Every structure is written in C-alpha cells, then in structure tokens.
N, C-alpha and C. Protein backbone atom coordinates (compact mmCIF):
# COMPACT_ATOMS: atom_id res chain seq x y z
N MET A 1 26.37 30.76 137.08
CA MET A 1 25.75 29.72 136.27
C MET A 1 26.37 28.37 136.63
N ASP A 2 25.51 27.39 136.85
CA ASP A 2 25.99 26.05 137.14
C ASP A 2 26.56 25.42 135.87
N LEU A 3 27.47 24.52 136.06
CA LEU A 3 28.07 23.82 134.93
C LEU A 3 27.44 22.45 134.79
N THR A 4 27.06 22.10 133.58
CA THR A 4 26.49 20.79 133.29
C THR A 4 27.27 20.16 132.15
N LEU A 5 27.69 18.94 132.35
CA LEU A 5 28.50 18.26 131.34
C LEU A 5 27.70 18.03 130.06
N ASP A 6 28.27 18.44 128.94
CA ASP A 6 27.74 18.16 127.61
C ASP A 6 28.81 17.35 126.90
N THR A 7 28.61 16.03 126.78
CA THR A 7 29.64 15.17 126.22
C THR A 7 29.93 15.47 124.75
N LYS A 8 28.93 15.91 124.00
CA LYS A 8 29.15 16.25 122.59
C LYS A 8 30.10 17.44 122.46
N GLN A 9 29.90 18.45 123.33
CA GLN A 9 30.78 19.60 123.32
C GLN A 9 32.20 19.20 123.74
N ALA A 10 32.29 18.27 124.68
CA ALA A 10 33.59 17.82 125.15
C ALA A 10 34.36 17.13 124.03
N LYS A 11 33.66 16.28 123.27
CA LYS A 11 34.31 15.59 122.16
C LYS A 11 34.69 16.58 121.06
N ALA A 12 33.86 17.57 120.83
CA ALA A 12 34.13 18.55 119.77
C ALA A 12 35.39 19.35 120.04
N ALA A 13 35.75 19.49 121.32
CA ALA A 13 36.95 20.26 121.67
C ALA A 13 38.20 19.61 121.11
N ASP A 14 38.17 18.29 120.93
CA ASP A 14 39.34 17.59 120.40
C ASP A 14 39.50 17.76 118.90
N SER A 15 38.43 18.11 118.21
CA SER A 15 38.46 18.13 116.75
C SER A 15 39.35 19.21 116.19
N ILE A 16 39.65 20.24 117.00
CA ILE A 16 40.49 21.34 116.53
C ILE A 16 41.87 20.83 116.15
N ALA A 17 42.39 19.90 116.93
CA ALA A 17 43.73 19.38 116.68
C ALA A 17 43.70 17.91 116.28
N SER A 18 42.61 17.48 115.62
CA SER A 18 42.46 16.05 115.33
C SER A 18 43.22 15.61 114.10
N SER A 19 43.60 16.53 113.22
CA SER A 19 44.30 16.15 112.00
C SER A 19 45.79 15.98 112.27
N ILE A 20 46.35 14.93 111.68
CA ILE A 20 47.79 14.71 111.80
C ILE A 20 48.49 15.69 110.87
N ASN A 21 49.38 16.50 111.42
CA ASN A 21 50.12 17.45 110.59
C ASN A 21 51.62 17.46 110.91
N GLU A 22 52.06 16.46 111.67
CA GLU A 22 53.47 16.34 111.99
C GLU A 22 53.97 14.95 111.61
N ALA A 23 55.17 14.89 111.08
CA ALA A 23 55.76 13.61 110.73
C ALA A 23 55.97 12.77 111.98
N GLY A 24 55.84 11.46 111.82
CA GLY A 24 56.06 10.59 112.96
C GLY A 24 55.53 9.19 112.75
N LYS A 25 55.55 8.44 113.82
CA LYS A 25 55.11 7.04 113.84
C LYS A 25 53.71 6.97 114.44
N TYR A 26 52.79 6.35 113.71
CA TYR A 26 51.40 6.31 114.15
C TYR A 26 50.83 4.89 113.99
N ILE A 27 49.92 4.54 114.90
CA ILE A 27 49.22 3.26 114.83
C ILE A 27 47.73 3.56 114.87
N GLY A 28 46.99 2.93 113.96
CA GLY A 28 45.55 3.18 113.92
C GLY A 28 44.83 2.27 112.94
N THR A 29 43.73 2.77 112.41
CA THR A 29 42.83 1.97 111.59
C THR A 29 42.59 2.62 110.23
N ILE A 30 42.50 1.82 109.21
CA ILE A 30 42.20 2.31 107.87
C ILE A 30 40.70 2.62 107.78
N THR A 31 40.36 3.87 107.49
CA THR A 31 38.96 4.26 107.40
C THR A 31 38.51 4.50 105.96
N ARG A 32 39.45 4.54 105.03
CA ARG A 32 39.13 4.65 103.60
C ARG A 32 40.20 3.93 102.82
N ALA A 33 39.78 3.01 101.95
CA ALA A 33 40.70 2.31 101.06
C ALA A 33 40.08 2.38 99.66
N GLU A 34 40.27 3.53 99.04
CA GLU A 34 39.58 3.85 97.78
C GLU A 34 40.45 3.48 96.58
N ALA A 35 39.82 2.94 95.56
CA ALA A 35 40.50 2.66 94.30
C ALA A 35 40.55 3.95 93.48
N LEU A 36 41.74 4.42 93.17
CA LEU A 36 41.91 5.69 92.49
C LEU A 36 42.25 5.48 91.02
N LYS A 37 41.77 6.38 90.18
CA LYS A 37 42.14 6.41 88.77
C LYS A 37 42.12 7.86 88.32
N SER A 38 43.29 8.38 87.95
CA SER A 38 43.39 9.78 87.56
C SER A 38 42.87 9.99 86.15
N GLU A 39 42.78 11.25 85.73
CA GLU A 39 42.31 11.56 84.38
C GLU A 39 43.23 10.97 83.32
N ARG A 40 44.49 10.77 83.66
CA ARG A 40 45.44 10.18 82.72
C ARG A 40 45.48 8.66 82.80
N GLY A 41 44.64 8.10 83.64
CA GLY A 41 44.58 6.64 83.76
C GLY A 41 45.52 6.05 84.79
N THR A 42 46.19 6.89 85.57
CA THR A 42 47.09 6.39 86.62
C THR A 42 46.27 5.78 87.76
N LEU A 43 46.67 4.59 88.19
CA LEU A 43 45.93 3.87 89.22
C LEU A 43 46.60 4.05 90.58
N GLY A 44 45.80 3.94 91.62
CA GLY A 44 46.37 4.08 92.96
C GLY A 44 45.42 3.66 94.06
N LEU A 45 45.89 3.81 95.28
CA LEU A 45 45.13 3.49 96.48
C LEU A 45 45.02 4.75 97.32
N GLY A 46 43.80 5.15 97.62
CA GLY A 46 43.57 6.32 98.45
C GLY A 46 43.24 5.89 99.87
N LEU A 47 44.09 6.25 100.82
CA LEU A 47 43.90 5.85 102.21
C LEU A 47 43.48 7.02 103.08
N SER A 48 42.61 6.74 104.02
CA SER A 48 42.38 7.61 105.16
C SER A 48 42.63 6.77 106.40
N PHE A 49 43.09 7.43 107.47
CA PHE A 49 43.64 6.70 108.60
C PHE A 49 43.30 7.44 109.88
N ARG A 50 42.87 6.70 110.91
CA ARG A 50 42.56 7.30 112.20
C ARG A 50 43.36 6.57 113.28
N THR A 51 44.10 7.34 114.07
CA THR A 51 44.93 6.73 115.11
C THR A 51 44.08 6.29 116.30
N ASP A 52 44.71 5.54 117.18
CA ASP A 52 44.00 5.04 118.36
C ASP A 52 43.54 6.17 119.28
N ASN A 53 44.23 7.32 119.22
CA ASN A 53 43.83 8.45 120.08
C ASN A 53 42.98 9.48 119.34
N GLY A 54 42.49 9.12 118.14
CA GLY A 54 41.52 9.96 117.46
C GLY A 54 42.06 10.91 116.42
N GLN A 55 43.38 10.97 116.22
CA GLN A 55 43.93 11.81 115.17
C GLN A 55 43.67 11.16 113.81
N SER A 56 43.58 11.98 112.78
CA SER A 56 43.27 11.42 111.46
C SER A 56 44.15 12.02 110.39
N ALA A 57 44.36 11.24 109.34
CA ALA A 57 45.07 11.70 108.14
C ALA A 57 44.25 11.25 106.95
N ASP A 58 43.77 12.21 106.18
CA ASP A 58 42.96 11.91 105.00
C ASP A 58 43.79 12.08 103.74
N TYR A 59 43.35 11.41 102.71
CA TYR A 59 43.92 11.56 101.37
C TYR A 59 45.41 11.24 101.34
N LEU A 60 45.75 10.10 101.94
CA LEU A 60 47.10 9.55 101.81
C LEU A 60 47.14 8.77 100.51
N ASP A 61 47.08 9.48 99.40
CA ASP A 61 46.95 8.84 98.09
C ASP A 61 48.28 8.30 97.62
N ILE A 62 48.29 7.02 97.24
CA ILE A 62 49.49 6.32 96.80
C ILE A 62 49.25 5.83 95.38
N TYR A 63 49.93 6.39 94.41
CA TYR A 63 49.75 5.96 93.02
C TYR A 63 50.75 4.87 92.68
N THR A 64 50.24 3.81 92.06
CA THR A 64 51.02 2.59 91.88
C THR A 64 51.38 2.25 90.44
N GLN A 65 50.57 2.74 89.49
CA GLN A 65 50.78 2.30 88.11
C GLN A 65 50.28 3.35 87.13
N LYS A 66 51.12 3.66 86.13
CA LYS A 66 50.71 4.58 85.08
C LYS A 66 49.69 3.93 84.15
N GLY A 67 49.04 4.75 83.35
CA GLY A 67 48.04 4.23 82.43
C GLY A 67 48.58 3.22 81.45
N ASP A 68 49.90 3.31 81.14
CA ASP A 68 50.50 2.37 80.19
C ASP A 68 51.02 1.10 80.87
N GLY A 69 50.78 0.99 82.19
CA GLY A 69 51.18 -0.21 82.91
C GLY A 69 52.49 -0.10 83.64
N GLU A 70 53.22 1.01 83.47
CA GLU A 70 54.50 1.18 84.15
C GLU A 70 54.30 1.33 85.66
N ALA A 71 55.05 0.54 86.43
CA ALA A 71 54.92 0.58 87.89
C ALA A 71 55.55 1.84 88.45
N LEU A 72 54.92 2.41 89.46
CA LEU A 72 55.43 3.60 90.15
C LEU A 72 55.97 3.19 91.52
N MET A 73 56.69 4.10 92.17
CA MET A 73 57.28 3.83 93.48
C MET A 73 56.23 3.42 94.51
N GLY A 74 55.02 3.98 94.37
CA GLY A 74 53.96 3.67 95.32
C GLY A 74 53.58 2.21 95.36
N ALA A 75 53.89 1.45 94.28
CA ALA A 75 53.57 0.03 94.26
C ALA A 75 54.30 -0.70 95.38
N LYS A 76 55.53 -0.28 95.69
CA LYS A 76 56.27 -0.89 96.79
C LYS A 76 55.56 -0.67 98.12
N THR A 77 55.06 0.56 98.30
CA THR A 77 54.39 0.89 99.55
C THR A 77 53.10 0.09 99.72
N VAL A 78 52.33 -0.04 98.64
CA VAL A 78 51.07 -0.79 98.71
C VAL A 78 51.34 -2.27 98.97
N ASN A 79 52.37 -2.82 98.33
CA ASN A 79 52.72 -4.21 98.59
C ASN A 79 53.19 -4.41 100.02
N ALA A 80 53.93 -3.44 100.56
CA ALA A 80 54.34 -3.51 101.95
C ALA A 80 53.12 -3.48 102.88
N LEU A 81 52.14 -2.68 102.52
CA LEU A 81 50.90 -2.60 103.29
C LEU A 81 50.20 -3.96 103.33
N LEU A 82 50.11 -4.62 102.17
CA LEU A 82 49.46 -5.94 102.12
C LEU A 82 50.20 -6.95 102.99
N VAL A 83 51.53 -6.91 102.94
CA VAL A 83 52.30 -7.85 103.76
C VAL A 83 52.06 -7.61 105.24
N CYS A 84 52.09 -6.34 105.65
CA CYS A 84 51.90 -6.03 107.07
C CYS A 84 50.49 -6.34 107.55
N LEU A 85 49.53 -6.38 106.62
CA LEU A 85 48.16 -6.79 106.95
C LEU A 85 47.97 -8.30 106.79
N LYS A 86 49.04 -8.97 106.30
CA LYS A 86 49.01 -10.42 106.05
C LYS A 86 47.90 -10.78 105.06
N LEU A 87 47.87 -10.02 103.97
CA LEU A 87 46.94 -10.26 102.89
C LEU A 87 47.71 -10.54 101.61
N ARG A 88 47.29 -11.54 100.85
CA ARG A 88 47.93 -11.84 99.57
C ARG A 88 47.34 -10.99 98.44
N GLY A 89 46.28 -10.30 98.73
CA GLY A 89 45.66 -9.43 97.74
C GLY A 89 44.37 -8.87 98.31
N ALA A 90 43.74 -8.01 97.53
CA ALA A 90 42.47 -7.42 97.95
C ALA A 90 41.65 -7.15 96.70
N LYS A 91 40.47 -7.74 96.63
CA LYS A 91 39.61 -7.56 95.46
C LYS A 91 38.91 -6.21 95.52
N GLN A 92 38.76 -5.60 94.36
CA GLN A 92 38.06 -4.31 94.30
C GLN A 92 36.57 -4.53 94.41
N GLY A 93 35.92 -3.65 95.16
CA GLY A 93 34.48 -3.70 95.33
C GLY A 93 33.97 -2.30 95.62
N THR A 94 33.00 -2.19 96.49
CA THR A 94 32.45 -0.89 96.88
C THR A 94 32.65 -0.70 98.38
N ILE A 95 33.08 0.49 98.77
CA ILE A 95 33.26 0.79 100.19
C ILE A 95 32.42 2.01 100.57
N LYS A 96 32.10 2.11 101.84
CA LYS A 96 31.44 3.29 102.38
C LYS A 96 32.45 4.03 103.24
N CYS A 97 32.60 5.32 103.00
CA CYS A 97 33.56 6.11 103.76
C CYS A 97 33.12 7.57 103.78
N GLU A 98 33.86 8.39 104.50
CA GLU A 98 33.58 9.82 104.54
C GLU A 98 34.56 10.58 103.66
N LYS A 99 34.04 11.55 102.89
CA LYS A 99 34.89 12.39 102.06
C LYS A 99 34.38 13.83 102.14
N TRP A 100 35.29 14.75 101.92
CA TRP A 100 34.92 16.17 101.97
C TRP A 100 34.16 16.55 100.71
N ASP A 101 33.01 17.20 100.91
CA ASP A 101 32.20 17.69 99.80
C ASP A 101 32.30 19.21 99.75
N ARG A 102 32.89 19.74 98.69
CA ARG A 102 33.10 21.18 98.59
C ARG A 102 31.79 21.95 98.54
N GLU A 103 30.81 21.41 97.84
CA GLU A 103 29.53 22.11 97.70
C GLU A 103 28.81 22.21 99.04
N VAL A 104 28.84 21.12 99.79
CA VAL A 104 28.17 21.09 101.09
C VAL A 104 29.02 21.79 102.14
N GLY A 105 30.34 21.74 101.97
CA GLY A 105 31.24 22.33 102.95
C GLY A 105 31.38 21.49 104.20
N ALA A 106 31.26 20.17 104.02
CA ALA A 106 31.35 19.26 105.16
C ALA A 106 31.70 17.86 104.67
N ARG A 107 32.07 17.01 105.60
CA ARG A 107 32.33 15.61 105.27
C ARG A 107 31.00 14.87 105.17
N ILE A 108 30.86 14.07 104.13
CA ILE A 108 29.64 13.30 103.95
C ILE A 108 29.99 11.84 103.69
N LYS A 109 29.06 10.96 103.98
CA LYS A 109 29.27 9.54 103.73
C LYS A 109 28.96 9.23 102.26
N VAL A 110 29.86 8.50 101.62
CA VAL A 110 29.70 8.18 100.20
C VAL A 110 30.03 6.71 99.97
N GLU A 111 29.60 6.21 98.82
CA GLU A 111 29.99 4.89 98.36
C GLU A 111 30.88 5.06 97.14
N VAL A 112 32.07 4.47 97.17
CA VAL A 112 33.03 4.62 96.09
C VAL A 112 33.70 3.28 95.81
N PRO A 113 34.29 3.11 94.63
CA PRO A 113 35.07 1.90 94.37
C PRO A 113 36.25 1.82 95.32
N GLY A 114 36.48 0.64 95.86
CA GLY A 114 37.57 0.51 96.82
C GLY A 114 37.85 -0.93 97.15
N TYR A 115 38.48 -1.14 98.31
CA TYR A 115 38.92 -2.46 98.71
C TYR A 115 38.37 -2.79 100.10
N PRO A 116 37.21 -3.46 100.13
CA PRO A 116 36.55 -3.77 101.41
C PRO A 116 37.44 -4.52 102.39
N GLU A 117 38.34 -5.37 101.88
CA GLU A 117 39.18 -6.18 102.77
C GLU A 117 40.18 -5.34 103.57
N LEU A 118 40.43 -4.11 103.12
CA LEU A 118 41.36 -3.24 103.84
C LEU A 118 40.65 -2.37 104.88
N MET A 119 39.35 -2.21 104.72
CA MET A 119 38.61 -1.31 105.60
C MET A 119 38.59 -1.82 107.04
N GLY A 120 38.88 -0.92 107.97
CA GLY A 120 38.83 -1.27 109.38
C GLY A 120 40.03 -2.02 109.89
N LYS A 121 41.01 -2.26 109.03
CA LYS A 121 42.20 -3.01 109.46
C LYS A 121 43.17 -2.08 110.19
N ARG A 122 43.78 -2.62 111.26
CA ARG A 122 44.78 -1.86 112.01
C ARG A 122 46.13 -1.94 111.30
N ILE A 123 46.85 -0.82 111.29
CA ILE A 123 48.12 -0.75 110.59
C ILE A 123 49.01 0.29 111.27
N GLY A 124 50.31 0.13 111.11
CA GLY A 124 51.25 1.13 111.58
C GLY A 124 51.81 1.90 110.40
N LEU A 125 51.83 3.21 110.50
CA LEU A 125 52.32 4.05 109.41
C LEU A 125 53.36 5.05 109.92
N LEU A 126 54.39 5.27 109.12
CA LEU A 126 55.29 6.40 109.30
C LEU A 126 54.85 7.45 108.30
N LEU A 127 54.51 8.63 108.78
CA LEU A 127 53.99 9.69 107.92
C LEU A 127 54.99 10.83 107.82
N GLN A 128 55.14 11.33 106.61
CA GLN A 128 56.05 12.43 106.33
C GLN A 128 55.24 13.59 105.75
N LYS A 129 55.63 14.81 106.09
CA LYS A 129 54.96 15.99 105.52
C LYS A 129 55.60 16.32 104.17
N GLU A 130 54.74 16.58 103.19
CA GLU A 130 55.21 16.91 101.85
C GLU A 130 54.70 18.30 101.46
N LEU A 131 55.63 19.16 101.04
CA LEU A 131 55.29 20.49 100.56
C LEU A 131 55.22 20.46 99.03
N GLY A 132 54.20 21.10 98.47
CA GLY A 132 54.05 21.11 97.02
C GLY A 132 53.54 22.44 96.53
N THR A 133 53.21 22.49 95.25
CA THR A 133 52.68 23.69 94.61
C THR A 133 51.40 23.34 93.88
N SER A 134 50.33 24.08 94.14
CA SER A 134 49.05 23.81 93.50
C SER A 134 49.06 24.31 92.06
N ASN A 135 47.98 23.99 91.32
CA ASN A 135 47.87 24.44 89.94
C ASN A 135 47.80 25.95 89.83
N THR A 136 47.41 26.60 90.93
CA THR A 136 47.32 28.06 90.92
C THR A 136 48.61 28.72 91.41
N GLY A 137 49.62 27.89 91.72
CA GLY A 137 50.90 28.42 92.15
C GLY A 137 51.05 28.61 93.64
N LYS A 138 50.04 28.23 94.42
CA LYS A 138 50.11 28.38 95.87
C LYS A 138 50.82 27.19 96.50
N ASP A 139 51.50 27.46 97.62
CA ASP A 139 52.16 26.39 98.36
C ASP A 139 51.11 25.50 99.03
N THR A 140 51.34 24.21 99.02
CA THR A 140 50.44 23.26 99.67
C THR A 140 51.25 22.34 100.57
N GLU A 141 50.57 21.68 101.48
CA GLU A 141 51.22 20.66 102.29
C GLU A 141 50.25 19.53 102.55
N ARG A 142 50.77 18.32 102.62
CA ARG A 142 49.96 17.14 102.90
C ARG A 142 50.84 16.10 103.55
N MET A 143 50.20 15.11 104.16
CA MET A 143 50.93 14.01 104.77
C MET A 143 51.00 12.86 103.77
N THR A 144 52.15 12.18 103.73
CA THR A 144 52.33 11.04 102.84
C THR A 144 52.87 9.85 103.62
N VAL A 145 52.70 8.66 103.06
CA VAL A 145 53.16 7.44 103.71
C VAL A 145 54.65 7.25 103.42
N PHE A 146 55.45 7.29 104.47
CA PHE A 146 56.90 7.11 104.38
C PHE A 146 57.27 5.65 104.59
N GLY A 147 56.52 4.96 105.44
CA GLY A 147 56.80 3.56 105.74
C GLY A 147 55.60 2.88 106.36
N VAL A 148 55.63 1.55 106.33
CA VAL A 148 54.53 0.73 106.85
C VAL A 148 55.10 -0.34 107.77
N PHE A 149 54.37 -0.65 108.84
CA PHE A 149 54.83 -1.70 109.74
C PHE A 149 53.63 -2.36 110.42
N SER A 150 53.85 -3.53 110.96
CA SER A 150 52.80 -4.24 111.70
C SER A 150 52.56 -3.56 113.04
N PRO A 151 51.32 -3.22 113.37
CA PRO A 151 51.06 -2.53 114.64
C PRO A 151 51.26 -3.42 115.86
N ASP A 152 51.21 -4.71 115.67
CA ASP A 152 51.33 -5.64 116.81
C ASP A 152 52.77 -6.02 117.10
N THR A 153 53.56 -6.24 116.04
CA THR A 153 54.92 -6.73 116.23
C THR A 153 55.99 -5.68 115.89
N GLU A 154 55.59 -4.61 115.21
CA GLU A 154 56.49 -3.58 114.70
C GLU A 154 57.48 -4.13 113.67
N LEU A 155 57.16 -5.28 113.09
CA LEU A 155 57.96 -5.82 112.00
C LEU A 155 57.59 -5.11 110.71
N THR A 156 58.58 -4.90 109.83
CA THR A 156 58.32 -4.33 108.52
C THR A 156 58.04 -5.46 107.53
N ALA A 157 57.66 -5.08 106.31
CA ALA A 157 57.28 -6.08 105.31
C ALA A 157 58.41 -7.06 105.02
N SER A 158 59.63 -6.55 104.82
CA SER A 158 60.74 -7.44 104.50
C SER A 158 61.03 -8.39 105.65
N GLU A 159 60.87 -7.93 106.89
CA GLU A 159 61.11 -8.80 108.05
C GLU A 159 60.04 -9.88 108.16
N ILE A 160 58.81 -9.53 107.85
CA ILE A 160 57.72 -10.52 107.88
C ILE A 160 57.96 -11.57 106.82
N LEU A 161 58.35 -11.14 105.61
CA LEU A 161 58.60 -12.08 104.52
C LEU A 161 59.79 -12.99 104.83
N ASP A 162 60.74 -12.48 105.60
CA ASP A 162 61.91 -13.27 105.98
C ASP A 162 61.68 -14.06 107.27
N SER A 163 60.44 -14.02 107.78
CA SER A 163 60.05 -14.76 109.00
C SER A 163 60.89 -14.36 110.21
N LYS A 164 61.27 -13.09 110.28
CA LYS A 164 62.00 -12.60 111.43
C LYS A 164 61.04 -12.28 112.57
N THR A 165 61.54 -12.32 113.79
CA THR A 165 60.69 -12.06 114.95
C THR A 165 61.14 -10.83 115.74
N ASN A 166 62.32 -10.33 115.43
CA ASN A 166 62.86 -9.16 116.14
C ASN A 166 62.82 -7.95 115.22
N PRO A 167 62.02 -6.92 115.57
CA PRO A 167 61.92 -5.73 114.70
C PRO A 167 63.18 -4.86 114.76
N GLU A 168 63.98 -4.92 113.73
CA GLU A 168 65.22 -4.15 113.69
C GLU A 168 65.16 -3.01 112.68
N ARG A 169 64.34 -3.17 111.66
CA ARG A 169 64.31 -2.20 110.56
C ARG A 169 63.56 -0.92 110.94
N LEU A 170 62.49 -1.05 111.71
CA LEU A 170 61.65 0.11 112.02
C LEU A 170 62.41 1.25 112.70
N PRO A 171 63.24 0.98 113.73
CA PRO A 171 63.99 2.08 114.34
C PRO A 171 64.86 2.84 113.34
N GLN A 172 65.40 2.13 112.36
CA GLN A 172 66.22 2.79 111.33
C GLN A 172 65.35 3.70 110.47
N MET A 173 64.15 3.23 110.14
CA MET A 173 63.23 4.02 109.33
C MET A 173 62.74 5.25 110.09
N VAL A 174 62.49 5.08 111.39
CA VAL A 174 62.07 6.20 112.23
C VAL A 174 63.18 7.26 112.29
N ALA A 175 64.42 6.79 112.40
CA ALA A 175 65.56 7.72 112.44
C ALA A 175 65.70 8.46 111.12
N ALA A 176 65.48 7.76 109.99
CA ALA A 176 65.56 8.40 108.68
C ALA A 176 64.47 9.45 108.54
N LEU A 177 63.27 9.15 109.04
CA LEU A 177 62.17 10.09 108.98
C LEU A 177 62.45 11.31 109.86
N ALA A 178 63.00 11.08 111.04
CA ALA A 178 63.32 12.17 111.96
C ALA A 178 64.36 13.11 111.35
N ALA A 179 65.27 12.54 110.56
CA ALA A 179 66.30 13.36 109.92
C ALA A 179 65.73 14.22 108.81
N LYS A 180 64.64 13.77 108.19
CA LYS A 180 64.02 14.55 107.12
C LYS A 180 62.49 14.43 107.25
N PRO A 181 61.89 15.12 108.23
CA PRO A 181 60.44 15.02 108.44
C PRO A 181 59.61 15.70 107.37
N VAL A 182 60.25 16.59 106.58
CA VAL A 182 59.53 17.32 105.54
C VAL A 182 60.20 17.09 104.20
N ARG A 183 59.41 16.75 103.21
CA ARG A 183 59.89 16.58 101.84
C ARG A 183 59.40 17.76 101.02
N ASP A 184 60.31 18.54 100.48
CA ASP A 184 59.96 19.77 99.77
C ASP A 184 59.94 19.53 98.27
N ASN A 185 58.73 19.46 97.71
CA ASN A 185 58.55 19.25 96.27
C ASN A 185 57.99 20.49 95.59
N ARG A 186 58.13 21.64 96.22
CA ARG A 186 57.59 22.87 95.61
C ARG A 186 58.35 23.21 94.33
N LYS A 187 57.63 23.73 93.36
CA LYS A 187 58.23 24.07 92.08
C LYS A 187 59.28 25.16 92.26
N GLY A 188 60.37 25.03 91.49
CA GLY A 188 61.43 26.02 91.57
C GLY A 188 62.41 25.77 92.68
N ARG A 189 62.24 24.65 93.41
CA ARG A 189 63.15 24.32 94.50
C ARG A 189 63.82 22.97 94.21
N PRO A 190 65.01 22.74 94.75
CA PRO A 190 65.69 21.46 94.52
C PRO A 190 64.82 20.30 94.99
N GLN A 191 64.68 19.26 94.18
CA GLN A 191 63.86 18.11 94.52
C GLN A 191 64.65 17.15 95.38
N THR A 192 63.97 16.50 96.30
CA THR A 192 64.63 15.56 97.20
C THR A 192 64.26 14.14 96.82
N GLN A 193 65.19 13.24 97.06
CA GLN A 193 64.94 11.83 96.78
C GLN A 193 64.23 11.21 97.96
N ARG A 194 63.13 10.54 97.69
CA ARG A 194 62.37 9.92 98.78
C ARG A 194 62.85 8.49 99.00
N THR A 195 62.99 8.12 100.24
CA THR A 195 63.33 6.75 100.58
C THR A 195 62.05 5.96 100.78
N ALA A 196 61.84 4.97 99.92
CA ALA A 196 60.61 4.18 99.99
C ALA A 196 60.88 2.90 100.76
N PRO A 197 59.90 2.41 101.52
CA PRO A 197 60.07 1.16 102.25
C PRO A 197 60.17 0.00 101.28
N ALA A 198 61.04 -0.93 101.59
CA ALA A 198 61.19 -2.09 100.72
C ALA A 198 60.09 -3.09 101.03
N ALA A 199 59.33 -3.45 100.00
CA ALA A 199 58.25 -4.40 100.21
C ALA A 199 58.77 -5.82 100.27
N GLY A 200 59.90 -6.07 99.63
CA GLY A 200 60.43 -7.42 99.58
C GLY A 200 59.79 -8.18 98.43
N VAL A 201 60.53 -9.13 97.86
CA VAL A 201 60.03 -9.93 96.76
C VAL A 201 60.11 -11.38 97.18
N ALA A 202 59.02 -12.09 97.00
CA ALA A 202 59.01 -13.49 97.41
C ALA A 202 58.11 -14.29 96.49
N ASP A 203 58.46 -15.55 96.29
CA ASP A 203 57.58 -16.46 95.58
C ASP A 203 56.43 -16.83 96.51
N ASP A 204 55.34 -17.35 95.92
CA ASP A 204 54.19 -17.71 96.73
C ASP A 204 54.55 -18.69 97.83
N ASP A 205 55.45 -19.62 97.53
CA ASP A 205 55.81 -20.63 98.52
C ASP A 205 56.60 -20.05 99.69
N ASP A 206 57.16 -18.84 99.49
CA ASP A 206 57.97 -18.23 100.53
C ASP A 206 57.18 -17.26 101.41
N ILE A 207 55.92 -16.97 101.06
CA ILE A 207 55.11 -16.04 101.82
C ILE A 207 54.61 -16.75 103.09
N PRO A 208 54.94 -16.25 104.27
CA PRO A 208 54.63 -16.96 105.52
C PRO A 208 53.21 -16.75 106.02
N PHE A 209 52.27 -16.44 105.16
CA PHE A 209 50.87 -16.32 105.60
C PHE A 209 49.94 -16.61 104.44
C-alpha cells in the first residue's frame, strides 16, 4: 500500500501527549480567563494555557477571595499575573473558550463570564503538580500555578515593579519548584506549605506601566 500524507492524522498523533502533566517552566498563551464563583461565593480566576509547542494545561483555577471578602493566597498570584502582563486591571465581560462537556464527552466552545483583556496574552508560568482527594475519596492530580513571569524578559512581578532589568528571581523559583515538583494535599497525609510568588505592593505612581 502506498503512503499518502494526511495532515489531520499527523496532528492528531501529538494530542496523546498534549496535556502538561509535569512540573516545570512553560511559556505560552492564555486560552481561557474565566471569572469563577463557587457555591459558597468564593471568587477566582480560571485559566487555561497552551504552550508554544502545543502542550496545554486546563483548569488552572486560582481562588482569590472568600465570599465574606477575605483575601486568599491566590490573590497574590493573580496580581503577579497582571503585573507580568503589564495590566493595571481587567474588566469582567464575556469570553469564548473551550470547556469539557461531560454529557457530550468532548470539548465544546462556550461563552462564559471572564476577562477578555487576558485572552490570547502570552505569559510565562511555573506549574506544579498537586495531589488531592475527591469527594468520593479517590486520589486526584492537577497542575497549579506556582509562579508567574514575563515571557519576553523572564522578569518576575516584583522585579518589574522595582524597574529591574536583570532577571534574578526566576532561577531561584525554578530551583524551589525542582526541589518540590509535587504538592501532596491528599487527605490523611501531612500538608505542605506552598511558596507563593510575591506580587509586590506599589502605589499607582510607582507602577512602571
């Protein structure tokens, strides 16, 4: 039988290993910036991310504020994200993105509340694997955002706010991630303290963008 190139089949071969499942440093594009609100009223940012070589990480959900207004650790990460994107804020609106539909058994395009200004923006992420326990008692694993950096300069949020030009913080963060690539939050096991990236605090007059 002669061989004939089928480009669709060729692209499909990559999809088997397209999901990011290892901790590390990645550069890519935000494909989902969803405004999250849990049943308890906790607010957050739901990210999906695709690297330059086609790998993807979905449901990088970062919760920032409890229903009573108390700030959560994720607020630092989201603020670091805004700094690395050189944005002073992002208004909520409607975004179009892909999400998994259990009934259909496939990814479908949907419209959801989100942040249009974040969609399609390039960003650098340090991703860590997190082990957990589902409501049914089964072990789960997902990728979480360990750190954020500028994809062009490799500067972190605090370095950008301090108008630094030499990226010194990122190698330290990469080393910290390499030392603990997996965070084990499974029930019945000792909990680990997560190191969150420092977003930095600055007055409006001190923000260099």
